[in-house]
Amino acid sequence: MLIAVGSLALMGLALGAVLGTAARYLAVAENPVESQLKEMLPGSQCGQCGFVGCAQAAAALAAGTAPVTLCPPGGRALAAALAAKLGIKVDLSAVSDAGPQVAEVAEEICIGCCRCIKACPTDAVVGAAKQIHNVIREACTGCGACIDRCPTEAMTLAPIPVSLQHWVWPKPVLAPVGAALREA
């Protein structure tokens, strides 16, 4: 018994060492700008931007082949932050900013077809076939992928209600330093 346990432990250590050295020597260097852009994106992998996920969108942004306004869930704030990071100017007049939203189910018209469950990238929609579905608010990113798939239009996006958990102190509007000195 001890011989079997000892041999498995040695095999585990040897294979772990081989994998560790392989990971070190075969690692692919990533573009640092691309990784910073990927950190800025929401990470919901919703596909509304036209890319498979946020990593591919960040690669396209770093290469300059995608506009900074590509992420609908990010809104104006994300587009402005991406433009500042890339050092480009952007026209934000065409970007809609609905604020944070979450999906809701109208229970009276939900038929339980499960199409919304399959479309949700974060598994926020729960339910069973021919049963009323529901949305886990903490898991929903407001991407709207479930809205397009619902045949009865039971799924809608609603703004997140302001509560003590979601309330954020508004940032003050800062005047330029020279303006404050001129007024005094």
Protein backbone atom coordinates (compact mmCIF):
# COMPACT_ATOMS: atom_id res chain seq x y z
CA MET A 1 0.00 0.00 0.00
CA LEU A 2 2.77 2.43 0.90
CA ILE A 3 4.66 1.57 -2.27
CA ALA A 4 1.59 2.42 -4.40
CA VAL A 5 1.02 5.74 -2.61
CA GLY A 6 4.70 6.61 -2.81
CA SER A 7 4.92 5.81 -6.52
CA LEU A 8 1.82 7.92 -7.26
CA ALA A 9 3.26 10.82 -5.26
CA LEU A 10 6.57 10.62 -7.14
CA MET A 11 4.75 10.43 -10.47
CA GLY A 12 2.70 13.48 -9.49
CA LEU A 13 5.81 15.45 -8.54
CA ALA A 14 7.64 14.47 -11.72
CA LEU A 15 4.72 15.30 -14.00
CA GLY A 16 4.12 18.58 -12.12
CA ALA A 17 7.76 19.56 -12.65
CA VAL A 18 7.53 18.71 -16.37
CA LEU A 19 4.35 20.79 -16.73
CA GLY A 20 5.88 23.69 -14.81
CA THR A 21 8.98 23.85 -16.99
CA ALA A 22 6.90 23.44 -20.15
CA ALA A 23 4.67 26.33 -19.09
CA ARG A 24 7.72 28.50 -18.49
CA TYR A 25 9.48 27.72 -21.80
CA LEU A 26 6.44 27.50 -24.05
CA ALA A 27 4.60 30.58 -22.74
CA VAL A 28 3.26 32.96 -25.36
CA ALA A 29 4.00 36.62 -24.70
CA GLU A 30 0.84 38.75 -24.68
CA ASN A 31 0.61 42.34 -25.81
CA PRO A 32 0.46 44.44 -22.61
CA VAL A 33 -1.93 46.96 -24.17
CA GLU A 34 -4.23 44.11 -25.16
CA SER A 35 -4.27 42.72 -21.62
CA GLN A 36 -4.99 46.18 -20.17
CA LEU A 37 -7.87 46.67 -22.61
CA LYS A 38 -9.22 43.23 -21.72
CA GLU A 39 -9.19 44.24 -18.04
CA MET A 40 -11.24 47.35 -18.88
CA LEU A 41 -13.95 45.46 -20.80
CA PRO A 42 -16.87 44.01 -18.79
CA GLY A 43 -15.89 40.37 -19.35
CA SER A 44 -19.45 39.12 -19.86
CA GLN A 45 -18.59 37.50 -23.23
CA CYS A 46 -22.03 38.57 -24.53
CA GLY A 47 -21.00 38.98 -28.18
CA GLN A 48 -22.90 42.24 -28.77
CA CYS A 49 -19.72 43.82 -30.10
CA GLY A 50 -19.51 41.30 -32.94
CA PHE A 51 -16.63 39.34 -31.41
CA VAL A 52 -16.76 35.99 -29.68
CA GLY A 53 -15.60 37.40 -26.37
CA CYS A 54 -13.94 40.31 -24.65
CA ALA A 55 -10.44 38.95 -25.34
CA GLN A 56 -11.01 39.04 -29.10
CA ALA A 57 -12.53 42.53 -28.81
CA ALA A 58 -9.47 43.73 -26.86
CA ALA A 59 -7.17 42.27 -29.54
CA ALA A 60 -9.12 44.11 -32.26
CA LEU A 61 -8.97 47.35 -30.26
CA ALA A 62 -5.23 47.00 -29.75
CA ALA A 63 -4.75 46.33 -33.47
CA GLY A 64 -6.89 49.36 -34.36
CA THR A 65 -9.44 47.38 -36.38
CA ALA A 66 -12.41 48.02 -34.07
CA PRO A 67 -13.93 51.28 -32.83
CA VAL A 68 -13.78 52.13 -29.12
CA THR A 69 -17.58 52.35 -29.10
CA LEU A 70 -17.94 48.61 -29.77
CA CYS A 71 -19.26 47.57 -26.32
CA PRO A 72 -22.97 48.40 -25.81
CA PRO A 73 -23.08 47.27 -22.15
CA GLY A 74 -20.09 49.50 -21.35
CA GLY A 75 -21.78 52.65 -22.64
CA ARG A 76 -20.20 56.08 -22.82
CA ALA A 77 -17.98 55.65 -19.77
CA LEU A 78 -16.21 52.61 -21.22
CA ALA A 79 -15.89 54.19 -24.67
CA ALA A 80 -14.31 57.31 -23.14
CA ALA A 81 -11.95 55.22 -21.00
CA LEU A 82 -10.88 53.10 -23.98
CA ALA A 83 -10.30 56.22 -26.09
CA ALA A 84 -8.20 57.76 -23.32
CA LYS A 85 -6.19 54.54 -22.97
CA LEU A 86 -5.54 54.34 -26.71
CA GLY A 87 -4.90 58.09 -27.02
CA ILE A 88 -7.56 58.73 -29.65
CA LYS A 89 -10.52 61.09 -29.87
CA VAL A 90 -14.01 59.68 -30.11
CA ASP A 91 -17.45 61.13 -30.83
CA LEU A 92 -19.75 59.86 -28.07
CA SER A 93 -22.93 61.44 -29.42
CA ALA A 94 -24.05 58.20 -31.11
CA VAL A 95 -23.34 56.02 -28.04
CA SER A 96 -26.42 55.32 -25.95
CA ASP A 97 -25.91 55.07 -22.23
CA ALA A 98 -28.86 53.50 -20.48
CA GLY A 99 -26.91 52.91 -17.29
CA PRO A 100 -26.69 49.58 -15.50
CA GLN A 101 -29.56 47.28 -16.39
CA VAL A 102 -30.70 43.81 -15.48
CA ALA A 103 -32.98 41.38 -17.32
CA GLU A 104 -36.46 40.70 -15.98
CA VAL A 105 -39.06 38.08 -16.87
CA ALA A 106 -42.76 38.88 -17.27
CA GLU A 107 -44.08 35.74 -15.61
CA GLU A 108 -47.57 36.01 -17.08
CA ILE A 109 -46.31 35.54 -20.67
CA CYS A 110 -43.28 33.29 -20.14
CA ILE A 111 -43.92 29.91 -21.80
CA GLY A 112 -40.76 28.17 -20.57
CA CYS A 113 -39.17 27.57 -23.97
CA CYS A 114 -35.59 27.72 -22.51
CA ARG A 115 -34.24 29.83 -25.39
CA CYS A 116 -33.20 32.60 -23.01
CA ILE A 117 -31.31 30.13 -20.82
CA LYS A 118 -29.24 28.95 -23.78
CA ALA A 119 -28.49 32.51 -24.90
CA CYS A 120 -27.33 33.84 -21.52
CA PRO A 121 -23.50 34.00 -21.40
CA THR A 122 -23.37 34.18 -17.58
CA ASP A 123 -26.04 31.56 -16.74
CA ALA A 124 -28.13 34.22 -14.99
CA VAL A 125 -31.45 32.86 -16.30
CA VAL A 126 -32.74 29.83 -14.42
CA GLY A 127 -35.73 27.61 -14.97
CA ALA A 128 -36.87 24.38 -16.57
CA ALA A 129 -38.74 23.45 -19.73
CA LYS A 130 -42.39 24.52 -19.66
CA GLN A 131 -41.82 26.32 -16.35
CA ILE A 132 -41.56 30.04 -15.61
CA HIS A 133 -38.00 31.31 -15.77
CA ASN A 134 -36.32 33.79 -13.48
CA VAL A 135 -33.18 35.94 -13.53
CA ILE A 136 -30.47 35.93 -10.88
CA ARG A 137 -29.83 39.67 -10.54
CA GLU A 138 -26.30 39.29 -9.16
CA ALA A 139 -25.22 37.21 -12.16
CA CYS A 140 -26.95 39.27 -14.89
CA THR A 141 -24.68 41.70 -16.74
CA GLY A 142 -27.46 43.36 -18.73
CA CYS A 143 -26.07 42.29 -22.09
CA GLY A 144 -29.53 41.72 -23.59
CA ALA A 145 -28.70 38.43 -25.31
CA CYS A 146 -31.80 36.83 -23.82
CA ILE A 147 -34.07 39.62 -25.07
CA ASP A 148 -33.54 38.77 -28.74
CA ARG A 149 -34.13 35.03 -28.22
CA CYS A 150 -37.46 35.25 -26.35
CA PRO A 151 -40.33 34.47 -28.76
CA THR A 152 -43.04 35.91 -26.47
CA GLU A 153 -41.14 39.09 -25.50
CA ALA A 154 -41.34 38.11 -21.83
CA MET A 155 -37.72 39.21 -21.26
CA THR A 156 -37.02 42.93 -20.83
CA LEU A 157 -34.14 45.04 -19.61
CA ALA A 158 -34.90 47.28 -16.65
CA PRO A 159 -32.65 49.75 -14.87
CA ILE A 160 -31.17 48.52 -11.62
CA PRO A 161 -33.18 50.15 -8.81
CA VAL A 162 -31.19 52.41 -6.53
CA SER A 163 -30.74 50.79 -3.14
CA LEU A 164 -28.17 50.95 -0.39
CA GLN A 165 -26.22 48.16 -2.10
CA HIS A 166 -26.10 49.89 -5.52
CA TRP A 167 -26.05 53.57 -4.55
CA VAL A 168 -22.89 55.43 -5.51
CA TRP A 169 -21.94 58.87 -4.28
CA PRO A 170 -21.93 61.17 -7.32
CA LYS A 171 -18.54 62.48 -8.28
CA PRO A 172 -18.14 66.25 -7.78
CA VAL A 173 -17.63 68.48 -10.77
CA LEU A 174 -14.18 69.97 -10.38
CA ALA A 175 -13.48 73.41 -11.76
CA PRO A 176 -10.05 74.14 -13.21
CA VAL A 177 -7.54 75.47 -10.66
CA GLY A 178 -7.13 78.80 -12.43
CA ALA A 179 -10.90 79.45 -12.39
CA ALA A 180 -11.07 79.10 -8.61
CA LEU A 181 -8.20 81.59 -8.17
CA ARG A 182 -9.80 84.15 -10.50
CA GLU A 183 -13.08 84.05 -8.57
CA ALA A 184 -11.37 84.68 -5.21
